[in-house]
């Protein structure tokens, strides 16, 4: 490791990656306090396992893996793992409305919360944390094609939920994930 000792290295990891981990945790949980707890738990586990980090350049992926595993453990222990069959997710519509209006962050978070974890995680890693398809495949231990398929289904689900929410409120929300601004939460 390029750092000088365990105390300095964990401090450097927190300094370098806290915001990105918190954003990911918030998108997974949908709650600020839960995201803070999950992020703190991630750094506690990282501190205990610091010797496992062989390549400092892979620290971000390593921390995201720890966070995801902690989140899944939390879900399993609470026995509230949401399970939807892939058929329940919407198909991609033929053409998006033009122009696309703004999206309500609360509607987005609600729609993200409705996604099963297997679809939510790749979507969050790709669109909100700039992970590549390959990095996501490695992170989730699935083939590259599975990542692409899950991303397509997740986007279709979000699109259908957000368009339905926009129709109910009288406006149509933004559904292009690639152009959404990255938020601190």
N, C-alpha and C. Protein backbone atom coordinates (compact mmCIF):
# COMPACT_ATOMS: atom_id res chain seq x y z
N UNK A 1 0.83 -1.18 0.00
CA UNK A 1 0.00 0.00 0.00
C UNK A 1 0.88 1.24 0.00
N UNK A 2 0.36 2.28 -0.58
CA UNK A 2 1.11 3.52 -0.67
C UNK A 2 0.97 4.36 0.60
N UNK A 3 0.09 3.99 1.48
CA UNK A 3 -0.14 4.79 2.69
C UNK A 3 0.84 4.38 3.78
N UNK A 4 0.93 5.16 4.84
CA UNK A 4 1.96 4.98 5.85
C UNK A 4 1.58 4.09 7.01
N UNK A 5 0.38 3.82 7.22
CA UNK A 5 -0.01 2.97 8.33
C UNK A 5 -1.50 2.80 8.34
N UNK A 6 -2.01 1.88 9.19
CA UNK A 6 -3.43 1.60 9.17
C UNK A 6 -4.30 2.81 9.50
N UNK A 7 -3.87 3.64 10.44
CA UNK A 7 -4.68 4.80 10.81
C UNK A 7 -4.74 5.80 9.66
N UNK A 8 -3.60 6.11 9.08
CA UNK A 8 -3.57 7.05 7.97
C UNK A 8 -4.30 6.50 6.75
N UNK A 9 -4.19 5.20 6.50
CA UNK A 9 -4.79 4.63 5.30
C UNK A 9 -6.31 4.62 5.39
N UNK A 10 -6.87 4.30 6.54
CA UNK A 10 -8.34 4.31 6.65
C UNK A 10 -8.84 5.75 6.57
N UNK A 11 -8.09 6.69 7.14
CA UNK A 11 -8.48 8.09 7.03
C UNK A 11 -8.46 8.54 5.57
N UNK A 12 -7.48 8.08 4.84
CA UNK A 12 -7.39 8.43 3.42
C UNK A 12 -8.54 7.82 2.64
N UNK A 13 -8.90 6.57 2.96
CA UNK A 13 -10.04 5.94 2.30
C UNK A 13 -11.32 6.71 2.57
N UNK A 14 -11.53 7.10 3.81
CA UNK A 14 -12.73 7.87 4.16
C UNK A 14 -12.74 9.19 3.40
N UNK A 15 -11.62 9.87 3.42
CA UNK A 15 -11.52 11.17 2.74
C UNK A 15 -11.79 11.03 1.24
N UNK A 16 -11.24 9.99 0.63
CA UNK A 16 -11.36 9.83 -0.82
C UNK A 16 -12.71 9.28 -1.27
N UNK A 17 -13.38 8.48 -0.45
CA UNK A 17 -14.54 7.74 -0.95
C UNK A 17 -15.84 7.90 -0.17
N UNK A 18 -15.84 8.68 0.90
CA UNK A 18 -17.04 8.78 1.73
C UNK A 18 -18.26 9.25 0.94
N UNK A 19 -18.12 10.32 0.18
CA UNK A 19 -19.27 10.88 -0.53
C UNK A 19 -19.87 9.90 -1.52
N UNK A 20 -19.04 9.24 -2.30
CA UNK A 20 -19.53 8.28 -3.29
C UNK A 20 -20.22 7.10 -2.60
N UNK A 21 -19.63 6.61 -1.51
CA UNK A 21 -20.24 5.50 -0.78
C UNK A 21 -21.57 5.91 -0.16
N UNK A 22 -21.63 7.11 0.40
CA UNK A 22 -22.87 7.58 1.00
C UNK A 22 -23.97 7.70 -0.07
N UNK A 23 -23.63 8.27 -1.23
CA UNK A 23 -24.62 8.39 -2.32
C UNK A 23 -25.17 7.02 -2.70
N UNK A 24 -24.27 6.04 -2.85
CA UNK A 24 -24.67 4.69 -3.21
C UNK A 24 -25.56 4.09 -2.12
N UNK A 25 -25.15 4.26 -0.88
CA UNK A 25 -25.93 3.73 0.25
C UNK A 25 -27.31 4.40 0.31
N UNK A 26 -27.35 5.70 0.07
CA UNK A 26 -28.63 6.42 0.11
C UNK A 26 -29.57 5.91 -0.98
N UNK A 27 -29.04 5.68 -2.16
CA UNK A 27 -29.87 5.18 -3.26
C UNK A 27 -30.35 3.76 -2.98
N UNK A 28 -29.52 2.98 -2.30
CA UNK A 28 -29.95 1.62 -1.94
C UNK A 28 -31.03 1.64 -0.87
N UNK A 29 -30.82 2.44 0.18
CA UNK A 29 -31.70 2.44 1.35
C UNK A 29 -32.88 3.39 1.22
N UNK A 30 -32.64 4.54 0.62
CA UNK A 30 -33.69 5.55 0.52
C UNK A 30 -33.84 6.40 1.76
N UNK A 31 -32.91 6.28 2.69
CA UNK A 31 -33.00 7.01 3.94
C UNK A 31 -31.61 7.51 4.34
N UNK A 32 -31.55 8.79 4.73
CA UNK A 32 -30.28 9.38 5.15
C UNK A 32 -29.65 8.68 6.34
N UNK A 33 -30.42 8.50 7.43
CA UNK A 33 -29.83 7.83 8.60
C UNK A 33 -29.37 6.39 8.30
N UNK A 34 -30.14 5.65 7.52
CA UNK A 34 -29.74 4.29 7.16
C UNK A 34 -28.49 4.32 6.29
N UNK A 35 -28.41 5.29 5.39
CA UNK A 35 -27.24 5.41 4.52
C UNK A 35 -26.00 5.76 5.34
N UNK A 36 -26.16 6.64 6.33
CA UNK A 36 -25.03 6.98 7.20
C UNK A 36 -24.55 5.74 7.96
N UNK A 37 -25.49 4.98 8.50
CA UNK A 37 -25.13 3.77 9.24
C UNK A 37 -24.42 2.77 8.34
N UNK A 38 -24.95 2.59 7.14
CA UNK A 38 -24.37 1.63 6.21
C UNK A 38 -22.97 2.07 5.77
N UNK A 39 -22.80 3.36 5.54
CA UNK A 39 -21.48 3.88 5.15
C UNK A 39 -20.48 3.72 6.29
N UNK A 40 -20.92 4.01 7.50
CA UNK A 40 -20.04 3.85 8.66
C UNK A 40 -19.68 2.38 8.84
N UNK A 41 -20.64 1.50 8.70
CA UNK A 41 -20.38 0.06 8.82
C UNK A 41 -19.37 -0.38 7.77
N UNK A 42 -19.48 0.18 6.57
CA UNK A 42 -18.55 -0.16 5.50
C UNK A 42 -17.12 0.20 5.89
N UNK A 43 -16.93 1.40 6.43
CA UNK A 43 -15.58 1.81 6.81
C UNK A 43 -15.07 1.02 8.02
N UNK A 44 -15.97 0.64 8.92
CA UNK A 44 -15.54 -0.22 10.05
C UNK A 44 -15.05 -1.57 9.54
N UNK A 45 -15.81 -2.16 8.62
CA UNK A 45 -15.39 -3.44 8.06
C UNK A 45 -14.10 -3.28 7.25
N UNK A 46 -14.00 -2.19 6.50
CA UNK A 46 -12.79 -1.95 5.71
C UNK A 46 -11.57 -1.82 6.62
N UNK A 47 -11.75 -1.14 7.74
CA UNK A 47 -10.64 -0.98 8.69
C UNK A 47 -10.18 -2.34 9.22
N UNK A 48 -11.15 -3.21 9.55
CA UNK A 48 -10.80 -4.55 10.05
C UNK A 48 -10.13 -5.40 8.97
N UNK A 49 -10.47 -5.16 7.72
CA UNK A 49 -9.96 -5.99 6.62
C UNK A 49 -8.93 -5.28 5.76
N UNK A 50 -8.35 -4.23 6.25
CA UNK A 50 -7.46 -3.40 5.45
C UNK A 50 -6.32 -4.21 4.81
N UNK A 51 -5.87 -5.23 5.47
CA UNK A 51 -4.79 -6.05 4.92
C UNK A 51 -5.21 -6.77 3.64
N UNK A 52 -6.51 -6.93 3.41
CA UNK A 52 -7.01 -7.59 2.20
C UNK A 52 -6.89 -6.71 0.96
N UNK A 53 -6.76 -5.40 1.16
CA UNK A 53 -6.66 -4.48 0.03
C UNK A 53 -5.22 -4.50 -0.48
N UNK A 54 -5.01 -5.17 -1.58
CA UNK A 54 -3.66 -5.32 -2.13
C UNK A 54 -3.30 -4.19 -3.09
N UNK A 55 -4.30 -3.64 -3.77
CA UNK A 55 -4.07 -2.63 -4.79
C UNK A 55 -4.87 -1.38 -4.43
N UNK A 56 -4.20 -0.33 -4.06
CA UNK A 56 -4.87 0.92 -3.65
C UNK A 56 -5.72 1.49 -4.78
N UNK A 57 -5.38 1.19 -6.02
CA UNK A 57 -6.15 1.69 -7.16
C UNK A 57 -7.54 1.04 -7.22
N UNK A 58 -7.71 -0.10 -6.58
CA UNK A 58 -9.00 -0.80 -6.58
C UNK A 58 -9.78 -0.54 -5.28
N UNK A 59 -9.36 0.43 -4.51
CA UNK A 59 -9.99 0.71 -3.21
C UNK A 59 -11.47 1.05 -3.36
N UNK A 60 -11.83 1.85 -4.36
CA UNK A 60 -13.24 2.23 -4.54
C UNK A 60 -14.11 1.00 -4.79
N UNK A 61 -13.70 0.15 -5.70
CA UNK A 61 -14.47 -1.05 -6.00
C UNK A 61 -14.55 -1.96 -4.77
N UNK A 62 -13.45 -2.06 -4.04
CA UNK A 62 -13.41 -2.88 -2.82
C UNK A 62 -14.40 -2.35 -1.79
N UNK A 63 -14.42 -1.04 -1.58
CA UNK A 63 -15.34 -0.44 -0.62
C UNK A 63 -16.80 -0.59 -1.06
N UNK A 64 -17.07 -0.43 -2.35
CA UNK A 64 -18.44 -0.61 -2.85
C UNK A 64 -18.90 -2.05 -2.65
N UNK A 65 -17.99 -2.98 -2.82
CA UNK A 65 -18.32 -4.39 -2.59
C UNK A 65 -18.66 -4.63 -1.13
N UNK A 66 -17.88 -4.06 -0.23
CA UNK A 66 -18.15 -4.20 1.21
C UNK A 66 -19.52 -3.59 1.53
N UNK A 67 -19.79 -2.40 0.99
CA UNK A 67 -21.06 -1.73 1.27
C UNK A 67 -22.23 -2.56 0.75
N UNK A 68 -22.11 -3.05 -0.46
CA UNK A 68 -23.19 -3.85 -1.04
C UNK A 68 -23.43 -5.11 -0.21
N UNK A 69 -22.37 -5.77 0.19
CA UNK A 69 -22.53 -6.98 1.00
C UNK A 69 -23.16 -6.66 2.36
N UNK A 70 -22.78 -5.55 2.95
CA UNK A 70 -23.38 -5.14 4.23
C UNK A 70 -24.87 -4.84 4.06
N UNK A 71 -25.21 -4.20 2.95
CA UNK A 71 -26.61 -3.91 2.66
C UNK A 71 -27.41 -5.21 2.48
N UNK A 72 -26.86 -6.14 1.71
CA UNK A 72 -27.55 -7.42 1.49
C UNK A 72 -27.70 -8.20 2.80
N UNK A 73 -26.68 -8.16 3.63
CA UNK A 73 -26.75 -8.82 4.93
C UNK A 73 -27.87 -8.21 5.77
N UNK A 74 -27.97 -6.89 5.73
CA UNK A 74 -29.01 -6.19 6.47
C UNK A 74 -30.40 -6.59 5.95
N UNK A 75 -30.54 -6.69 4.64
CA UNK A 75 -31.82 -7.10 4.06
C UNK A 75 -32.19 -8.52 4.48
N UNK A 76 -31.21 -9.41 4.39
CA UNK A 76 -31.48 -10.80 4.75
C UNK A 76 -31.85 -10.94 6.21
N UNK A 77 -31.15 -10.22 7.06
CA UNK A 77 -31.43 -10.34 8.49
C UNK A 77 -32.79 -9.74 8.84
N UNK A 78 -33.23 -8.76 8.08
CA UNK A 78 -34.55 -8.16 8.31
C UNK A 78 -35.65 -8.94 7.58
N UNK A 79 -35.25 -9.90 6.77
CA UNK A 79 -36.18 -10.73 5.99
C UNK A 79 -37.20 -9.90 5.22
N UNK A 80 -36.68 -8.86 4.58
CA UNK A 80 -37.57 -8.04 3.77
C UNK A 80 -37.05 -7.84 2.36
N UNK A 81 -36.37 -8.85 1.84
CA UNK A 81 -35.85 -8.79 0.49
C UNK A 81 -36.99 -8.77 -0.51
N UNK A 82 -37.08 -7.69 -1.26
CA UNK A 82 -38.14 -7.53 -2.25
C UNK A 82 -37.83 -8.41 -3.45
N UNK A 83 -38.80 -9.18 -3.88
CA UNK A 83 -38.58 -10.07 -4.99
C UNK A 83 -39.69 -9.89 -6.02
N UNK A 84 -39.30 -9.42 -7.19
CA UNK A 84 -40.23 -9.29 -8.30
C UNK A 84 -39.71 -10.16 -9.43
N UNK A 85 -40.59 -10.86 -10.12
CA UNK A 85 -40.13 -11.62 -11.27
C UNK A 85 -39.73 -10.66 -12.39
N UNK A 86 -38.75 -11.05 -13.22
CA UNK A 86 -38.32 -10.16 -14.30
C UNK A 86 -39.47 -9.76 -15.22
N UNK A 87 -40.49 -10.60 -15.35
CA UNK A 87 -41.62 -10.28 -16.22
C UNK A 87 -42.41 -9.08 -15.69
N UNK A 88 -42.30 -8.80 -14.39
CA UNK A 88 -43.05 -7.69 -13.80
C UNK A 88 -42.46 -6.34 -14.17
N UNK A 89 -41.23 -6.35 -14.68
CA UNK A 89 -40.60 -5.11 -15.08
C UNK A 89 -41.05 -4.75 -16.49
N UNK A 90 -41.27 -3.48 -16.72
CA UNK A 90 -41.83 -3.01 -17.98
C UNK A 90 -40.82 -3.15 -19.12
N UNK A 91 -41.36 -3.19 -20.32
CA UNK A 91 -40.53 -3.19 -21.52
C UNK A 91 -40.20 -1.74 -21.88
N UNK A 92 -39.17 -1.55 -22.66
CA UNK A 92 -38.74 -0.22 -23.06
C UNK A 92 -39.76 0.34 -24.05
N UNK A 93 -40.27 1.57 -23.80
CA UNK A 93 -41.21 2.15 -24.75
C UNK A 93 -40.52 2.48 -26.06
N UNK A 94 -41.30 2.57 -27.13
CA UNK A 94 -40.75 2.83 -28.45
C UNK A 94 -40.07 4.19 -28.54
N UNK A 95 -40.75 5.23 -28.10
CA UNK A 95 -40.22 6.59 -28.25
C UNK A 95 -40.53 7.39 -26.99
N UNK A 96 -39.53 8.13 -26.53
CA UNK A 96 -39.70 8.97 -25.36
C UNK A 96 -40.32 10.31 -25.76
N UNK A 97 -41.08 10.92 -24.85
CA UNK A 97 -41.67 12.22 -25.16
C UNK A 97 -40.58 13.28 -25.34
N UNK A 98 -40.88 14.27 -26.16
CA UNK A 98 -39.91 15.32 -26.43
C UNK A 98 -40.56 16.66 -26.18
N UNK A 99 -40.04 17.59 -25.45
CA UNK A 99 -38.85 17.52 -24.61
C UNK A 99 -39.17 16.83 -23.28
N UNK A 100 -38.12 16.35 -22.65
CA UNK A 100 -38.29 15.66 -21.37
C UNK A 100 -38.21 16.66 -20.23
N UNK A 101 -39.25 16.75 -19.39
CA UNK A 101 -39.24 17.70 -18.28
C UNK A 101 -38.36 17.22 -17.11
N UNK A 102 -38.28 18.04 -16.09
CA UNK A 102 -37.49 17.75 -14.88
C UNK A 102 -38.06 16.54 -14.14
N UNK A 103 -37.20 15.91 -13.35
CA UNK A 103 -37.64 14.78 -12.53
C UNK A 103 -37.67 15.20 -11.07
N UNK A 104 -38.64 14.70 -10.36
CA UNK A 104 -38.74 14.95 -8.93
C UNK A 104 -37.85 13.93 -8.21
N UNK A 105 -36.85 14.38 -7.44
CA UNK A 105 -35.95 13.44 -6.75
C UNK A 105 -36.69 12.46 -5.84
N UNK A 106 -37.77 12.87 -5.22
CA UNK A 106 -38.53 11.96 -4.35
C UNK A 106 -39.18 10.85 -5.17
N UNK A 107 -39.69 11.20 -6.36
CA UNK A 107 -40.28 10.17 -7.23
C UNK A 107 -39.21 9.20 -7.70
N UNK A 108 -38.03 9.73 -8.03
CA UNK A 108 -36.93 8.86 -8.46
C UNK A 108 -36.55 7.91 -7.34
N UNK A 109 -36.38 8.43 -6.13
CA UNK A 109 -35.99 7.58 -5.00
C UNK A 109 -37.05 6.52 -4.73
N UNK A 110 -38.33 6.89 -4.84
CA UNK A 110 -39.41 5.92 -4.63
C UNK A 110 -39.35 4.83 -5.69
N UNK A 111 -39.15 5.22 -6.95
CA UNK A 111 -39.06 4.23 -8.03
C UNK A 111 -37.84 3.34 -7.85
N UNK A 112 -36.71 3.92 -7.41
CA UNK A 112 -35.52 3.10 -7.14
C UNK A 112 -35.79 2.11 -6.01
N UNK A 113 -36.52 2.55 -5.01
CA UNK A 113 -36.85 1.67 -3.89
C UNK A 113 -37.73 0.50 -4.28
N UNK A 114 -38.50 0.65 -5.35
CA UNK A 114 -39.38 -0.43 -5.81
C UNK A 114 -38.62 -1.48 -6.62
N UNK A 115 -37.44 -1.12 -7.11
CA UNK A 115 -36.65 -2.07 -7.90
C UNK A 115 -36.08 -3.17 -7.02
N UNK A 116 -36.11 -4.41 -7.48
CA UNK A 116 -35.40 -5.46 -6.75
C UNK A 116 -33.90 -5.14 -6.73
N UNK A 117 -33.22 -5.57 -5.71
CA UNK A 117 -31.81 -5.27 -5.52
C UNK A 117 -30.97 -5.69 -6.72
N UNK A 118 -31.29 -6.82 -7.34
CA UNK A 118 -30.48 -7.30 -8.45
C UNK A 118 -30.52 -6.36 -9.66
N UNK A 119 -31.54 -5.51 -9.75
CA UNK A 119 -31.63 -4.53 -10.82
C UNK A 119 -31.18 -3.15 -10.34
N UNK A 120 -31.44 -2.83 -9.09
CA UNK A 120 -31.10 -1.51 -8.54
C UNK A 120 -29.58 -1.32 -8.46
N UNK A 121 -28.87 -2.31 -7.97
CA UNK A 121 -27.43 -2.16 -7.77
C UNK A 121 -26.68 -1.85 -9.06
N UNK A 122 -26.87 -2.62 -10.16
CA UNK A 122 -26.14 -2.26 -11.38
C UNK A 122 -26.50 -0.86 -11.89
N UNK A 123 -27.77 -0.49 -11.76
CA UNK A 123 -28.21 0.83 -12.21
C UNK A 123 -27.51 1.92 -11.42
N UNK A 124 -27.46 1.77 -10.10
CA UNK A 124 -26.81 2.78 -9.26
C UNK A 124 -25.31 2.86 -9.55
N UNK A 125 -24.68 1.69 -9.69
CA UNK A 125 -23.24 1.69 -9.94
C UNK A 125 -22.91 2.32 -11.29
N UNK A 126 -23.74 2.06 -12.30
CA UNK A 126 -23.45 2.59 -13.64
C UNK A 126 -23.77 4.08 -13.75
N UNK A 127 -24.98 4.47 -13.40
CA UNK A 127 -25.42 5.84 -13.63
C UNK A 127 -25.01 6.83 -12.54
N UNK A 128 -24.91 6.38 -11.32
CA UNK A 128 -24.62 7.32 -10.24
C UNK A 128 -23.17 7.27 -9.78
N UNK A 129 -22.46 6.17 -10.05
CA UNK A 129 -21.09 6.04 -9.55
C UNK A 129 -20.06 5.80 -10.65
N UNK A 130 -20.48 5.86 -11.91
CA UNK A 130 -19.57 5.76 -13.07
C UNK A 130 -18.76 4.47 -13.14
N UNK A 131 -19.32 3.36 -12.67
CA UNK A 131 -18.65 2.08 -12.86
C UNK A 131 -18.90 1.63 -14.30
N UNK A 132 -17.93 0.96 -14.90
CA UNK A 132 -18.11 0.42 -16.24
C UNK A 132 -18.90 -0.88 -16.16
N UNK A 133 -19.42 -1.35 -17.30
CA UNK A 133 -20.12 -2.64 -17.33
C UNK A 133 -19.22 -3.73 -16.78
N UNK A 134 -17.95 -3.70 -17.20
CA UNK A 134 -17.00 -4.73 -16.77
C UNK A 134 -16.80 -4.69 -15.25
N UNK A 135 -16.64 -3.48 -14.70
CA UNK A 135 -16.46 -3.36 -13.26
C UNK A 135 -17.69 -3.83 -12.49
N UNK A 136 -18.86 -3.55 -13.03
CA UNK A 136 -20.10 -4.00 -12.38
C UNK A 136 -20.18 -5.52 -12.44
N UNK A 137 -19.83 -6.10 -13.58
CA UNK A 137 -19.85 -7.56 -13.72
C UNK A 137 -18.91 -8.20 -12.70
N UNK A 138 -17.72 -7.64 -12.52
CA UNK A 138 -16.78 -8.15 -11.53
C UNK A 138 -17.33 -7.97 -10.12
N UNK A 139 -17.90 -6.81 -9.85
CA UNK A 139 -18.45 -6.50 -8.54
C UNK A 139 -19.56 -7.46 -8.13
N UNK A 140 -20.44 -7.79 -9.11
CA UNK A 140 -21.60 -8.63 -8.83
C UNK A 140 -21.36 -10.11 -9.13
N UNK A 141 -20.20 -10.42 -9.70
CA UNK A 141 -19.87 -11.80 -10.09
C UNK A 141 -20.91 -12.37 -11.04
N UNK A 142 -21.23 -11.60 -12.08
CA UNK A 142 -22.16 -12.04 -13.12
C UNK A 142 -21.54 -11.74 -14.47
N UNK A 143 -22.03 -12.41 -15.53
CA UNK A 143 -21.50 -12.11 -16.87
C UNK A 143 -21.85 -10.70 -17.33
N UNK A 144 -21.06 -10.18 -18.25
CA UNK A 144 -21.26 -8.84 -18.78
C UNK A 144 -22.66 -8.68 -19.38
N UNK A 145 -23.12 -9.69 -20.11
CA UNK A 145 -24.45 -9.64 -20.72
C UNK A 145 -25.56 -9.52 -19.68
N UNK A 146 -25.36 -10.13 -18.53
CA UNK A 146 -26.35 -10.04 -17.44
C UNK A 146 -26.43 -8.61 -16.92
N UNK A 147 -25.28 -7.96 -16.81
CA UNK A 147 -25.25 -6.56 -16.37
C UNK A 147 -26.04 -5.71 -17.36
N UNK A 148 -25.78 -5.90 -18.64
CA UNK A 148 -26.46 -5.11 -19.67
C UNK A 148 -27.97 -5.36 -19.63
N UNK A 149 -28.36 -6.60 -19.47
CA UNK A 149 -29.78 -6.95 -19.41
C UNK A 149 -30.44 -6.34 -18.18
N UNK A 150 -29.78 -6.44 -17.05
CA UNK A 150 -30.35 -5.88 -15.82
C UNK A 150 -30.48 -4.37 -15.90
N UNK A 151 -29.49 -3.72 -16.51
CA UNK A 151 -29.57 -2.27 -16.69
C UNK A 151 -30.75 -1.90 -17.58
N UNK A 152 -30.93 -2.63 -18.66
CA UNK A 152 -32.04 -2.34 -19.57
C UNK A 152 -33.38 -2.52 -18.87
N UNK A 153 -33.53 -3.60 -18.12
CA UNK A 153 -34.79 -3.84 -17.41
C UNK A 153 -35.03 -2.80 -16.31
N UNK A 154 -33.96 -2.43 -15.61
CA UNK A 154 -34.09 -1.43 -14.55
C UNK A 154 -34.51 -0.08 -15.14
N UNK A 155 -33.89 0.31 -16.25
CA UNK A 155 -34.26 1.57 -16.88
C UNK A 155 -35.71 1.53 -17.36
N UNK A 156 -36.12 0.41 -17.91
CA UNK A 156 -37.51 0.29 -18.37
C UNK A 156 -38.48 0.40 -17.20
N UNK A 157 -38.14 -0.23 -16.10
CA UNK A 157 -38.99 -0.15 -14.91
C UNK A 157 -39.08 1.29 -14.41
N UNK A 158 -37.94 1.95 -14.29
CA UNK A 158 -37.94 3.34 -13.83
C UNK A 158 -38.72 4.23 -14.79
N UNK A 159 -38.50 4.02 -16.07
CA UNK A 159 -39.19 4.83 -17.07
C UNK A 159 -40.69 4.69 -16.91
N UNK A 160 -41.17 3.46 -16.79
CA UNK A 160 -42.62 3.25 -16.67
C UNK A 160 -43.16 3.85 -15.38
N UNK A 161 -42.44 3.72 -14.27
CA UNK A 161 -42.89 4.27 -12.99
C UNK A 161 -42.88 5.79 -13.01
N UNK A 162 -41.83 6.36 -13.56
CA UNK A 162 -41.72 7.82 -13.56
C UNK A 162 -42.70 8.45 -14.55
N UNK A 163 -42.91 7.81 -15.68
CA UNK A 163 -43.90 8.33 -16.63
C UNK A 163 -45.30 8.22 -16.04
N UNK A 164 -45.59 7.13 -15.35
CA UNK A 164 -46.91 6.98 -14.70
C UNK A 164 -47.09 8.02 -13.61
N UNK A 165 -46.04 8.27 -12.83
CA UNK A 165 -46.12 9.28 -11.77
C UNK A 165 -46.31 10.66 -12.37
N UNK A 166 -45.64 10.92 -13.50
CA UNK A 166 -45.79 12.21 -14.17
C UNK A 166 -47.18 12.41 -14.73
N UNK A 167 -47.77 11.34 -15.28
CA UNK A 167 -49.13 11.42 -15.79
C UNK A 167 -50.11 11.72 -14.67
N UNK A 168 -49.90 11.13 -13.51
CA UNK A 168 -50.81 11.34 -12.38
C UNK A 168 -50.73 12.76 -11.84
N UNK A 169 -49.54 13.37 -11.95
CA UNK A 169 -49.38 14.72 -11.40
C UNK A 169 -49.61 15.80 -12.45
N UNK A 170 -49.83 15.39 -13.70
CA UNK A 170 -50.08 16.37 -14.74
C UNK A 170 -48.84 16.79 -15.49
N UNK A 171 -47.67 16.34 -15.07
CA UNK A 171 -46.44 16.63 -15.81
C UNK A 171 -45.72 15.32 -16.03
N UNK A 172 -44.88 15.29 -17.03
CA UNK A 172 -44.13 14.06 -17.32
C UNK A 172 -42.70 14.25 -16.86
N UNK A 173 -42.19 13.38 -16.00
CA UNK A 173 -40.84 13.55 -15.45
C UNK A 173 -39.74 13.13 -16.41
N UNK A 174 -38.56 13.61 -16.15
CA UNK A 174 -37.35 13.24 -16.88
C UNK A 174 -37.08 11.76 -16.69
N UNK A 175 -36.78 11.05 -17.77
CA UNK A 175 -36.49 9.63 -17.64
C UNK A 175 -35.15 9.25 -18.24
N UNK A 176 -34.41 10.20 -18.77
CA UNK A 176 -33.09 9.89 -19.31
C UNK A 176 -32.10 9.89 -18.16
N UNK A 177 -31.69 8.72 -17.72
CA UNK A 177 -30.80 8.61 -16.57
C UNK A 177 -29.42 9.18 -16.85
N UNK A 178 -28.99 9.10 -18.09
CA UNK A 178 -27.63 9.56 -18.39
C UNK A 178 -27.48 11.06 -18.22
N UNK A 179 -28.56 11.81 -18.26
CA UNK A 179 -28.44 13.25 -18.14
C UNK A 179 -28.81 13.79 -16.78
N UNK A 180 -29.16 12.90 -15.84
CA UNK A 180 -29.54 13.37 -14.52
C UNK A 180 -28.33 13.93 -13.79
N UNK A 181 -28.56 14.99 -13.04
CA UNK A 181 -27.48 15.55 -12.24
C UNK A 181 -27.20 14.63 -11.08
N UNK A 182 -25.94 14.49 -10.74
CA UNK A 182 -25.58 13.69 -9.58
C UNK A 182 -25.80 14.52 -8.35
N UNK A 183 -26.52 13.93 -7.39
CA UNK A 183 -26.83 14.64 -6.17
C UNK A 183 -25.94 14.15 -5.05
N UNK A 184 -25.87 14.91 -3.99
CA UNK A 184 -25.12 14.49 -2.80
C UNK A 184 -25.87 13.42 -2.06
N UNK A 185 -27.15 13.21 -2.33
CA UNK A 185 -27.92 12.17 -1.67
C UNK A 185 -28.82 11.50 -2.65
